[in-house]
Amino acid sequence: MPVPIEQAFAYHDRPGAFERLIPPWKTVTVERNDRSLQPDSQVIMRVHMGPLRPKWVARHTRLERPHHFQDIQQSGPFSHWQHDHRFEARGDKSLLIDDISYQAPLGKLGSLLSNRLINTELQTTFAYRHRVTADDLQLLERWGTEKKLRVAISGSTGLVGRNLCAMLRLLGHEVIAIKRTPVADGSTDEVNPWQSEQQAQRLNGIDAVIHLAGKSIADTRWSPSVKAAIRESRVDLTKQLADRLAKLQQPPSALLCASASGLYGHHADEEFTEHSVPGDDFLSDVAVQWEAACRSAAEAGIRVVNLRLGIVLDPRGGALSKMRLPAKLAGGALGGGKQWWSWIALDDVLGATYHAMMNEDVQGPVNLVSPNPIRQKDFANVLGKTIGIPALLPAPAFGLRLALGEMADYLLLASCRVRPTVLLNTNYEFRFAELAQALMYCLGYNRLSAQETT
């Protein structure tokens, strides 16, 4: 790990570590989490295994900060399970060792039938966990550990928001959830600045606000009312939030507000940077107004960053969750497949957002996309190769328009080739610059080497 042993251990010792390290291709329902490594603390979960939902009760049994903690399966799908998490100092860095002993159910027959499958799953799981841990801690190594921030986040239950909240907490920051639903005035971890001036005052002295909330553009076929809701949830609510932040006696140093790479519109091959002219279609217009809604915050001296998100890749939500079934059915090019898709791995959304929050030189629009956009037909081929199913069956544009209406042109058929100039110029290090690498990790096709599993 790129940090001293104390920091590596503290990452695992903070609330949110369990959820942050669940691989995205696994479905785990947490029924109880004591959020502690203390002996006798528990995590109770349901692990989705095809049609089965076995209950797994994990109990912590040993704790020796900052060198070791242990958990065992108290009850669950294995006959025996023990996981020792060991930490060793390596100068100003550290070594993380996950030592697991297990026994499959059904005795020797069960071991014979399932050990190879279990070992493969452990390799992919811990390849993911170790990569996430090291990459998160790399942010600490770069930006330091002394500055602990109070950060308020809207959209905290969405795909990006809930993972960003977990990562920030693991890096030692305090997170307050910004809600749209009513919040009690005495609440310490939630606030609704749209509810009242009194609620908004609770953001006084906050270090940064990250505004991610907005109606999904891909959940339902667009109608005039849906398009109005898309606009209102972004433009109107953002302006109200920015206005209230601007009036605070101690406003936040930074407001990071979601936006979209769709601001640039549809162009066959033109490459867009943060200085490019916006397009002239519906989503372009919404994004332009969305960013303009932050103006009062900027005029009050708040550093405003507009996060122009590309296609966020993670199987738990967003575009990739909708692509998996067509890919398993050998789905290929959409409408010819020549359109450019500007994608970004979820963990790079988190890392780049953290980079923008911590780097005071980052201001204004920031393209949150990989440095390597790809044509849609090539995207389909890489996805098919990753899951082992060739992308053979094209989908004609007229069929997509028939099924999805206007939404098909914006979300599937539009071509938008975007370059993350600001991130590159401010030396952000992408976790996943190549699509194949990103898909292997988030879909569970990457394994540890034999040396790494010891």
Protein backbone atom coordinates (compact mmCIF):
# COMPACT_ATOMS: atom_id res chain seq x y z
CA MET A 1 0.00 0.00 0.00
CA PRO A 2 1.30 3.52 -0.79
CA VAL A 3 0.86 4.83 2.78
CA PRO A 4 2.25 3.96 6.25
CA ILE A 5 0.74 1.05 8.18
CA GLU A 6 -1.32 3.30 10.47
CA GLN A 7 -3.14 4.90 7.53
CA ALA A 8 -3.69 1.58 5.75
CA PHE A 9 -5.23 0.13 8.90
CA ALA A 10 -7.33 3.24 9.57
CA TYR A 11 -8.88 2.89 6.09
CA HIS A 12 -10.27 -0.52 7.09
CA ASP A 13 -11.21 0.69 10.57
CA ARG A 14 -13.62 3.40 9.42
CA PRO A 15 -17.36 3.04 8.73
CA GLY A 16 -18.06 2.19 5.11
CA ALA A 17 -15.08 -0.08 4.46
CA PHE A 18 -17.20 -3.22 4.14
CA GLU A 19 -19.54 -1.67 1.56
CA ARG A 20 -16.74 0.05 -0.37
CA LEU A 21 -14.89 -3.23 -0.87
CA ILE A 22 -17.84 -5.34 -2.08
CA PRO A 23 -17.02 -6.10 -5.73
CA PRO A 24 -19.52 -4.52 -8.14
CA TRP A 25 -20.36 -7.82 -9.83
CA LYS A 26 -21.52 -9.30 -6.52
CA THR A 27 -24.98 -8.66 -5.12
CA VAL A 28 -24.89 -8.51 -1.33
CA THR A 29 -27.76 -7.30 0.83
CA VAL A 30 -26.50 -6.03 4.19
CA GLU A 31 -29.10 -6.59 6.92
CA ARG A 32 -26.96 -5.39 9.82
CA ASN A 33 -23.55 -3.79 10.08
CA ASP A 34 -22.14 -2.79 13.45
CA ARG A 35 -19.52 -0.70 11.58
CA SER A 36 -16.79 -1.72 13.98
CA LEU A 37 -13.77 -4.03 14.10
CA GLN A 38 -14.19 -4.58 17.84
CA PRO A 39 -14.46 -8.25 18.90
CA ASP A 40 -18.05 -9.56 18.79
CA SER A 41 -19.19 -6.86 16.34
CA GLN A 42 -21.12 -8.36 13.42
CA VAL A 43 -22.07 -8.00 9.80
CA ILE A 44 -25.20 -9.89 8.73
CA MET A 45 -25.77 -10.16 4.99
CA ARG A 46 -27.51 -12.08 2.24
CA VAL A 47 -25.17 -13.20 -0.54
CA HIS A 48 -26.97 -13.59 -3.86
CA MET A 49 -25.84 -16.84 -5.51
CA GLY A 50 -28.12 -17.40 -8.48
CA PRO A 51 -31.58 -18.16 -7.08
CA LEU A 52 -30.16 -18.70 -3.58
CA ARG A 53 -29.88 -16.01 -0.89
CA PRO A 54 -27.94 -17.67 1.96
CA LYS A 55 -27.59 -15.70 5.17
CA TRP A 56 -24.00 -15.03 6.26
CA VAL A 57 -23.26 -13.88 9.80
CA ALA A 58 -19.68 -12.60 10.12
CA ARG A 59 -18.24 -11.84 13.55
CA HIS A 60 -15.03 -10.02 14.40
CA THR A 61 -12.92 -11.98 16.85
CA ARG A 62 -9.48 -10.36 17.13
CA LEU A 63 -8.22 -6.79 16.93
CA GLU A 64 -4.60 -5.67 17.24
CA ARG A 65 -4.30 -2.13 15.84
CA PRO A 66 -2.59 -1.40 13.48
CA HIS A 67 -1.35 -4.88 12.66
CA HIS A 68 -4.23 -7.35 12.54
CA PHE A 69 -7.94 -7.99 12.73
CA GLN A 70 -9.86 -11.19 12.19
CA ASP A 71 -13.39 -12.16 11.27
CA ILE A 72 -15.02 -15.57 11.11
CA GLN A 73 -18.22 -16.93 9.69
CA GLN A 74 -20.51 -17.56 12.63
CA SER A 75 -23.12 -19.06 10.33
CA GLY A 76 -23.46 -19.17 6.59
CA PRO A 77 -22.76 -21.08 3.38
CA PHE A 78 -19.32 -22.44 4.38
CA SER A 79 -18.56 -25.19 6.87
CA HIS A 80 -15.66 -23.01 8.04
CA TRP A 81 -14.43 -19.51 7.15
CA GLN A 82 -11.72 -17.42 8.79
CA HIS A 83 -10.31 -14.20 7.36
CA ASP A 84 -7.18 -12.65 8.87
CA HIS A 85 -6.35 -9.12 7.71
CA ARG A 86 -2.65 -8.47 8.40
CA PHE A 87 -0.70 -5.24 7.98
CA GLU A 88 3.10 -4.96 7.90
CA ALA A 89 5.19 -1.79 7.85
CA ARG A 90 7.44 -1.23 4.84
CA GLY A 91 9.11 2.08 5.66
CA ASP A 92 6.72 4.85 4.65
CA LYS A 93 4.56 2.26 2.89
CA SER A 94 2.81 -0.92 4.07
CA LEU A 95 1.90 -4.45 3.05
CA LEU A 96 -1.68 -5.75 3.25
CA ILE A 97 -2.06 -9.53 3.55
CA ASP A 98 -5.46 -11.23 3.38
CA ASP A 99 -5.13 -14.74 4.79
CA ILE A 100 -8.24 -16.89 4.31
CA SER A 101 -8.93 -20.43 5.41
CA TYR A 102 -12.21 -22.08 4.45
CA GLN A 103 -13.95 -25.40 4.10
CA ALA A 104 -16.69 -25.86 1.54
CA PRO A 105 -20.00 -27.45 2.62
CA LEU A 106 -20.66 -31.17 2.09
CA GLY A 107 -17.24 -32.27 3.32
CA LYS A 108 -14.72 -33.81 0.89
CA LEU A 109 -17.27 -34.08 -1.90
CA GLY A 110 -18.11 -30.40 -1.58
CA SER A 111 -14.42 -29.49 -1.59
CA LEU A 112 -13.80 -31.61 -4.66
CA LEU A 113 -16.67 -30.03 -6.55
CA SER A 114 -16.30 -26.40 -5.51
CA ASN A 115 -12.76 -25.53 -4.32
CA ARG A 116 -11.53 -24.58 -7.78
CA LEU A 117 -14.52 -22.33 -8.35
CA ILE A 118 -14.15 -20.78 -4.89
CA ASN A 119 -10.43 -20.13 -5.39
CA THR A 120 -11.11 -18.41 -8.71
CA GLU A 121 -13.76 -16.23 -7.11
CA LEU A 122 -11.40 -15.33 -4.24
CA GLN A 123 -8.70 -14.33 -6.72
CA THR A 124 -11.01 -12.00 -8.63
CA THR A 125 -12.54 -10.61 -5.44
CA PHE A 126 -9.22 -9.77 -3.81
CA ALA A 127 -7.72 -8.44 -7.03
CA TYR A 128 -10.56 -5.94 -6.97
CA ARG A 129 -10.33 -5.20 -3.22
CA HIS A 130 -6.56 -4.68 -3.27
CA ARG A 131 -6.75 -2.43 -6.34
CA VAL A 132 -9.52 -0.28 -4.84
CA THR A 133 -7.72 0.00 -1.50
CA ALA A 134 -4.39 0.94 -3.07
CA ASP A 135 -5.97 3.46 -5.44
CA ASP A 136 -8.01 5.11 -2.68
CA LEU A 137 -4.96 5.34 -0.44
CA GLN A 138 -2.96 6.79 -3.33
CA LEU A 139 -5.23 9.82 -3.06
CA LEU A 140 -4.14 10.22 0.57
CA GLU A 141 -0.51 9.84 -0.43
CA ARG A 142 -0.88 12.61 -3.01
CA TRP A 143 -3.07 15.08 -1.15
CA GLY A 144 -1.94 14.39 2.41
CA THR A 145 -3.78 13.28 5.53
CA GLU A 146 -3.67 16.44 7.63
CA LYS A 147 -6.58 18.22 5.96
CA LYS A 148 -9.83 16.57 7.05
CA LEU A 149 -12.81 18.16 5.37
CA ARG A 150 -16.51 18.44 6.10
CA VAL A 151 -18.25 17.64 2.84
CA ALA A 152 -21.97 17.84 2.05
CA ILE A 153 -23.20 15.65 -0.82
CA SER A 154 -26.53 15.58 -2.63
CA GLY A 155 -27.55 12.48 -4.55
CA SER A 156 -25.91 10.42 -1.82
CA THR A 157 -28.06 7.34 -2.50
CA GLY A 158 -27.29 7.21 -6.22
CA LEU A 159 -24.57 5.10 -7.82
CA VAL A 160 -21.92 7.82 -7.76
CA GLY A 161 -23.07 9.46 -4.54
CA ARG A 162 -23.15 6.43 -2.26
CA ASN A 163 -19.72 5.24 -3.44
CA LEU A 164 -18.26 8.73 -3.12
CA CYS A 165 -19.64 9.03 0.43
CA ALA A 166 -18.04 5.72 1.37
CA MET A 167 -14.67 6.65 -0.12
CA LEU A 168 -14.59 10.08 1.53
CA ARG A 169 -15.35 8.57 4.94
CA LEU A 170 -12.63 5.96 4.48
CA LEU A 171 -10.16 8.72 3.68
CA GLY A 172 -11.02 10.38 6.99
CA HIS A 173 -13.44 13.12 5.91
CA GLU A 174 -16.81 13.91 7.50
CA VAL A 175 -19.77 13.49 5.15
CA ILE A 176 -23.20 15.10 5.51
CA ALA A 177 -25.99 13.96 3.20
CA ILE A 178 -28.01 16.66 1.44
CA LYS A 179 -31.60 15.42 1.17
CA ARG A 180 -34.71 16.56 -0.69
CA THR A 181 -37.03 14.89 1.81
CA PRO A 182 -37.87 16.58 5.15
CA VAL A 183 -35.01 16.58 7.67
CA ALA A 184 -35.34 17.22 11.40
CA ASP A 185 -33.61 20.38 12.59
CA GLY A 186 -31.65 18.36 15.15
CA SER A 187 -30.16 15.95 12.60
CA THR A 188 -26.35 15.90 12.56
CA ASP A 189 -25.68 13.86 9.42
CA GLU A 190 -28.43 15.11 7.07
CA VAL A 191 -29.55 18.53 5.85
CA ASN A 192 -32.18 19.85 3.43
CA PRO A 193 -31.17 23.35 2.31
CA TRP A 194 -34.28 23.62 0.11
CA GLN A 195 -36.53 23.04 3.15
CA SER A 196 -35.84 26.30 4.97
CA GLU A 197 -33.30 29.04 5.60
CA GLN A 198 -32.68 27.46 8.99
CA GLN A 199 -31.73 24.18 7.34
CA ALA A 200 -29.50 25.97 4.84
CA GLN A 201 -27.66 27.68 7.71
CA ARG A 202 -26.47 24.25 8.85
CA LEU A 203 -24.14 24.31 5.83
CA ASN A 204 -22.39 27.35 7.32
CA GLY A 205 -18.69 26.52 7.67
CA ILE A 206 -18.83 23.41 5.50
CA ASP A 207 -15.65 22.94 3.45
CA ALA A 208 -17.13 21.65 0.20
CA VAL A 209 -20.49 20.85 -1.36
CA ILE A 210 -20.80 18.17 -4.05
CA HIS A 211 -24.14 18.43 -5.85
CA LEU A 212 -24.97 15.23 -7.77
CA ALA A 213 -28.76 15.05 -7.50
CA GLY A 214 -30.90 15.06 -10.63
CA LYS A 215 -33.60 12.97 -12.27
CA SER A 216 -32.21 10.06 -14.30
CA ILE A 217 -32.40 10.61 -18.05
CA ALA A 218 -32.54 6.88 -18.84
CA ASP A 219 -35.25 5.45 -16.60
CA THR A 220 -38.29 6.03 -18.79
CA ARG A 221 -39.29 7.07 -22.29
CA TRP A 222 -39.17 10.82 -22.67
CA SER A 223 -42.41 12.78 -22.72
CA PRO A 224 -42.87 16.54 -22.32
CA SER A 225 -43.42 16.06 -18.58
CA VAL A 226 -40.34 13.83 -18.21
CA LYS A 227 -38.18 16.36 -20.06
CA ALA A 228 -39.54 19.13 -17.87
CA ALA A 229 -38.66 17.10 -14.75
CA ILE A 230 -35.14 16.46 -16.10
CA ARG A 231 -34.64 20.19 -16.54
CA GLU A 232 -36.26 21.25 -13.25
CA SER A 233 -34.33 18.72 -11.14
CA ARG A 234 -31.07 20.10 -12.48
CA VAL A 235 -31.51 23.78 -13.23
CA ASP A 236 -34.05 25.01 -10.69
CA LEU A 237 -32.79 23.05 -7.69
CA THR A 238 -29.16 23.89 -8.45
CA LYS A 239 -29.93 27.61 -8.64
CA GLN A 240 -31.79 27.47 -5.32
CA LEU A 241 -28.87 25.63 -3.71
CA ALA A 242 -26.26 28.01 -5.14
CA ASP A 243 -28.26 31.04 -3.99
CA ARG A 244 -28.46 29.72 -0.43
CA LEU A 245 -24.77 28.83 -0.33
CA ALA A 246 -23.90 32.32 -1.57
CA LYS A 247 -25.79 33.91 1.35
CA LEU A 248 -23.96 31.96 4.07
CA GLN A 249 -21.71 33.89 6.41
CA GLN A 250 -19.09 31.16 5.97
CA PRO A 251 -19.80 29.64 2.56
CA PRO A 252 -18.00 26.52 1.38
CA SER A 253 -14.65 26.91 -0.33
CA ALA A 254 -15.84 24.78 -3.24
CA LEU A 255 -19.06 23.75 -4.97
CA LEU A 256 -18.66 20.77 -7.28
CA CYS A 257 -21.78 20.38 -9.39
CA ALA A 258 -22.57 17.53 -11.75
CA SER A 259 -23.02 18.35 -15.41
CA ALA A 260 -22.84 16.22 -18.57
CA SER A 261 -20.58 15.73 -21.56
CA GLY A 262 -23.83 15.84 -23.54
CA LEU A 263 -23.38 19.61 -23.33
CA TYR A 264 -21.29 19.38 -26.52
CA GLY A 265 -24.10 17.88 -28.58
CA HIS A 266 -23.80 15.37 -31.43
CA HIS A 267 -20.86 15.55 -33.87
CA ALA A 268 -19.45 12.70 -35.93
CA ASP A 269 -15.70 13.03 -35.26
CA GLU A 270 -14.93 16.42 -33.71
CA GLU A 271 -12.98 16.26 -30.44
CA PHE A 272 -14.24 18.42 -27.59
CA THR A 273 -12.32 20.02 -24.73
CA GLU A 274 -13.61 22.14 -21.89
CA HIS A 275 -13.26 25.21 -24.15
CA SER A 276 -15.46 23.83 -26.95
CA VAL A 277 -18.75 25.49 -27.87
CA PRO A 278 -21.92 23.78 -26.54
CA GLY A 279 -24.37 22.04 -28.84
CA ASP A 280 -27.90 23.20 -29.59
CA ASP A 281 -30.12 20.24 -28.66
CA PHE A 282 -32.23 19.46 -25.58
CA LEU A 283 -29.50 17.91 -23.39
CA SER A 284 -26.98 20.56 -24.44
CA ASP A 285 -29.40 23.29 -23.42
CA VAL A 286 -30.14 21.61 -20.08
CA ALA A 287 -26.42 21.25 -19.32
CA VAL A 288 -25.69 24.89 -20.22
CA GLN A 289 -28.48 26.10 -17.93
CA TRP A 290 -27.38 23.63 -15.23
CA GLU A 291 -23.90 25.13 -15.15
CA ALA A 292 -25.24 28.68 -15.33
CA ALA A 293 -27.37 27.94 -12.26
CA CYS A 294 -24.16 27.91 -10.19
CA ARG A 295 -23.38 31.54 -11.07
CA SER A 296 -24.46 33.08 -7.77
CA ALA A 297 -22.10 30.77 -5.88
CA ALA A 298 -19.19 31.77 -8.12
CA GLU A 299 -20.04 35.46 -7.69
CA ALA A 300 -19.89 34.95 -3.91
CA GLY A 301 -16.29 33.74 -4.22
CA ILE A 302 -17.00 30.01 -4.05
CA ARG A 303 -14.76 27.94 -6.33
CA VAL A 304 -17.24 26.28 -8.70
CA VAL A 305 -16.35 23.10 -10.61
CA ASN A 306 -18.77 21.72 -13.22
CA LEU A 307 -18.22 17.96 -13.54
CA ARG A 308 -19.10 17.09 -17.15
CA LEU A 309 -19.72 13.38 -16.76
CA GLY A 310 -19.42 10.92 -19.62
CA ILE A 311 -20.89 7.40 -19.69
CA VAL A 312 -20.21 6.05 -16.18
CA LEU A 313 -19.32 2.35 -16.18
CA ASP A 314 -20.33 0.12 -13.28
CA PRO A 315 -22.58 -2.97 -13.38
CA ARG A 316 -24.59 -1.82 -10.34
CA GLY A 317 -26.24 1.01 -12.23
CA GLY A 318 -26.10 3.41 -15.12
CA ALA A 319 -25.38 2.47 -18.72
CA LEU A 320 -23.39 -0.72 -18.12
CA SER A 321 -26.15 -2.31 -16.05
CA LYS A 322 -28.45 -1.92 -19.07
CA MET A 323 -25.83 -3.19 -21.54
CA ARG A 324 -25.10 -6.52 -19.86
CA LEU A 325 -28.19 -8.41 -21.00
CA PRO A 326 -27.89 -7.35 -24.67
CA ALA A 327 -24.19 -8.24 -24.53
CA LYS A 328 -25.00 -11.73 -23.21
CA LEU A 329 -27.36 -12.10 -26.18
CA ALA A 330 -24.49 -11.26 -28.58
CA GLY A 331 -25.65 -7.67 -29.10
CA GLY A 332 -23.30 -5.57 -31.21
CA ALA A 333 -23.31 -2.29 -33.12
CA LEU A 334 -26.11 0.21 -32.49
CA GLY A 335 -27.24 2.11 -35.55
CA GLY A 336 -24.01 1.29 -37.40
CA GLY A 337 -21.79 1.76 -34.33
CA LYS A 338 -19.61 4.57 -35.69
CA GLN A 339 -20.64 7.03 -32.97
CA TRP A 340 -18.05 7.97 -30.36
CA TRP A 341 -18.76 7.04 -26.73
CA SER A 342 -16.89 8.97 -24.06
CA TRP A 343 -16.85 6.67 -21.06
CA ILE A 344 -15.33 6.70 -17.57
CA ALA A 345 -14.98 4.01 -14.90
CA LEU A 346 -16.92 4.70 -11.70
CA ASP A 347 -13.74 4.69 -9.62
CA ASP A 348 -12.29 7.38 -11.87
CA VAL A 349 -15.42 9.46 -11.31
CA LEU A 350 -14.68 9.17 -7.58
CA GLY A 351 -10.96 9.79 -7.97
CA ALA A 352 -11.36 12.72 -10.35
CA THR A 353 -14.03 14.32 -8.15
CA TYR A 354 -11.68 14.04 -5.16
CA HIS A 355 -8.87 15.49 -7.28
CA ALA A 356 -11.08 18.45 -8.25
CA MET A 357 -12.17 18.99 -4.64
CA MET A 358 -8.65 18.99 -3.23
CA ASN A 359 -6.88 20.88 -6.04
CA GLU A 360 -7.59 24.59 -5.68
CA ASP A 361 -6.30 25.21 -9.22
CA VAL A 362 -9.24 23.27 -10.69
CA GLN A 363 -12.13 25.58 -11.47
CA GLY A 364 -14.92 25.77 -14.04
CA PRO A 365 -15.82 22.93 -16.41
CA VAL A 366 -14.00 19.60 -16.09
CA ASN A 367 -14.60 16.72 -18.48
CA LEU A 368 -14.97 13.52 -16.44
CA VAL A 369 -14.19 11.02 -19.19
CA SER A 370 -11.41 8.55 -19.99
CA PRO A 371 -8.59 9.86 -22.21
CA ASN A 372 -9.51 7.07 -24.64
CA PRO A 373 -13.04 7.43 -26.07
CA ILE A 374 -14.14 4.59 -28.32
CA ARG A 375 -16.57 4.01 -31.16
CA GLN A 376 -19.71 2.18 -30.06
CA LYS A 377 -19.12 -0.88 -32.24
CA ASP A 378 -15.64 -1.23 -30.74
CA PHE A 379 -17.11 -0.78 -27.26
CA ALA A 380 -19.50 -3.67 -27.97
CA ASN A 381 -16.62 -5.83 -29.21
CA VAL A 382 -14.50 -5.15 -26.11
CA LEU A 383 -17.46 -5.90 -23.83
CA GLY A 384 -18.23 -9.09 -25.76
CA LYS A 385 -14.60 -10.22 -25.56
CA THR A 386 -14.54 -9.52 -21.82
CA ILE A 387 -17.57 -11.73 -21.11
CA GLY A 388 -16.67 -14.31 -23.76
CA ILE A 389 -19.62 -13.72 -26.11
CA PRO A 390 -18.98 -12.22 -29.58
CA ALA A 391 -20.85 -9.00 -30.38
CA LEU A 392 -22.54 -10.29 -33.53
CA LEU A 393 -26.08 -8.90 -33.67
CA PRO A 394 -26.51 -5.25 -34.73
CA ALA A 395 -29.48 -3.12 -33.75
CA PRO A 396 -30.70 -0.75 -36.48
CA ALA A 397 -31.34 2.87 -35.61
CA PHE A 398 -35.01 2.73 -36.58
CA GLY A 399 -35.60 -0.15 -34.17
CA LEU A 400 -33.98 1.74 -31.31
CA ARG A 401 -36.04 4.83 -32.08
CA LEU A 402 -39.19 2.74 -32.23
CA ALA A 403 -38.44 1.23 -28.81
CA LEU A 404 -37.06 4.29 -27.01
CA GLY A 405 -38.25 7.28 -28.98
CA GLU A 406 -36.25 10.51 -28.82
CA MET A 407 -34.11 9.10 -26.00
CA ALA A 408 -32.40 6.68 -28.43
CA ASP A 409 -30.87 9.54 -30.43
CA TYR A 410 -29.42 11.20 -27.34
CA LEU A 411 -28.24 8.21 -25.30
CA LEU A 412 -27.32 5.54 -27.87
CA LEU A 413 -26.86 7.05 -31.32
CA ALA A 414 -25.27 10.44 -30.55
CA SER A 415 -21.54 10.79 -31.20
CA CYS A 416 -19.54 12.82 -28.68
CA ARG A 417 -15.75 12.54 -28.59
CA VAL A 418 -14.56 14.28 -25.44
CA ARG A 419 -11.05 14.81 -24.07
CA PRO A 420 -10.35 15.32 -20.32
CA THR A 421 -7.94 18.21 -20.87
CA VAL A 422 -8.22 19.74 -17.39
CA LEU A 423 -7.65 16.42 -15.62
CA LEU A 424 -4.63 15.66 -17.80
CA ASN A 425 -3.18 19.15 -17.40
CA THR A 426 -3.53 18.97 -13.60
CA ASN A 427 -1.86 15.54 -13.50
CA TYR A 428 -4.81 13.39 -12.50
CA GLU A 429 -3.72 9.74 -12.73
CA PHE A 430 -6.49 7.66 -14.25
CA ARG A 431 -7.15 4.34 -12.55
CA PHE A 432 -8.58 2.88 -15.76
CA ALA A 433 -7.57 4.66 -18.95
CA GLU A 434 -8.31 1.66 -21.18
CA LEU A 435 -11.79 0.18 -21.61
CA ALA A 436 -10.73 -3.47 -21.52
CA GLN A 437 -8.98 -2.97 -18.18
CA ALA A 438 -11.97 -1.14 -16.70
CA LEU A 439 -14.45 -3.82 -17.77
CA MET A 440 -12.28 -6.69 -16.53
CA TYR A 441 -12.11 -5.19 -13.05
CA CYS A 442 -15.70 -4.08 -12.62
CA LEU A 443 -17.19 -7.26 -14.13
CA GLY A 444 -14.92 -9.65 -12.20
CA TYR A 445 -12.63 -11.05 -14.88
CA ASN A 446 -9.32 -10.00 -13.36
CA ARG A 447 -7.41 -12.31 -11.01
CA LEU A 448 -4.49 -12.09 -8.65
CA SER A 449 -1.27 -13.80 -9.60
CA ALA A 450 -0.13 -16.82 -7.58
CA GLN A 451 2.36 -14.62 -5.70
CA GLU A 452 -0.30 -12.06 -4.81
CA THR A 453 -2.62 -14.69 -3.35
CA THR A 454 -0.10 -15.84 -0.74
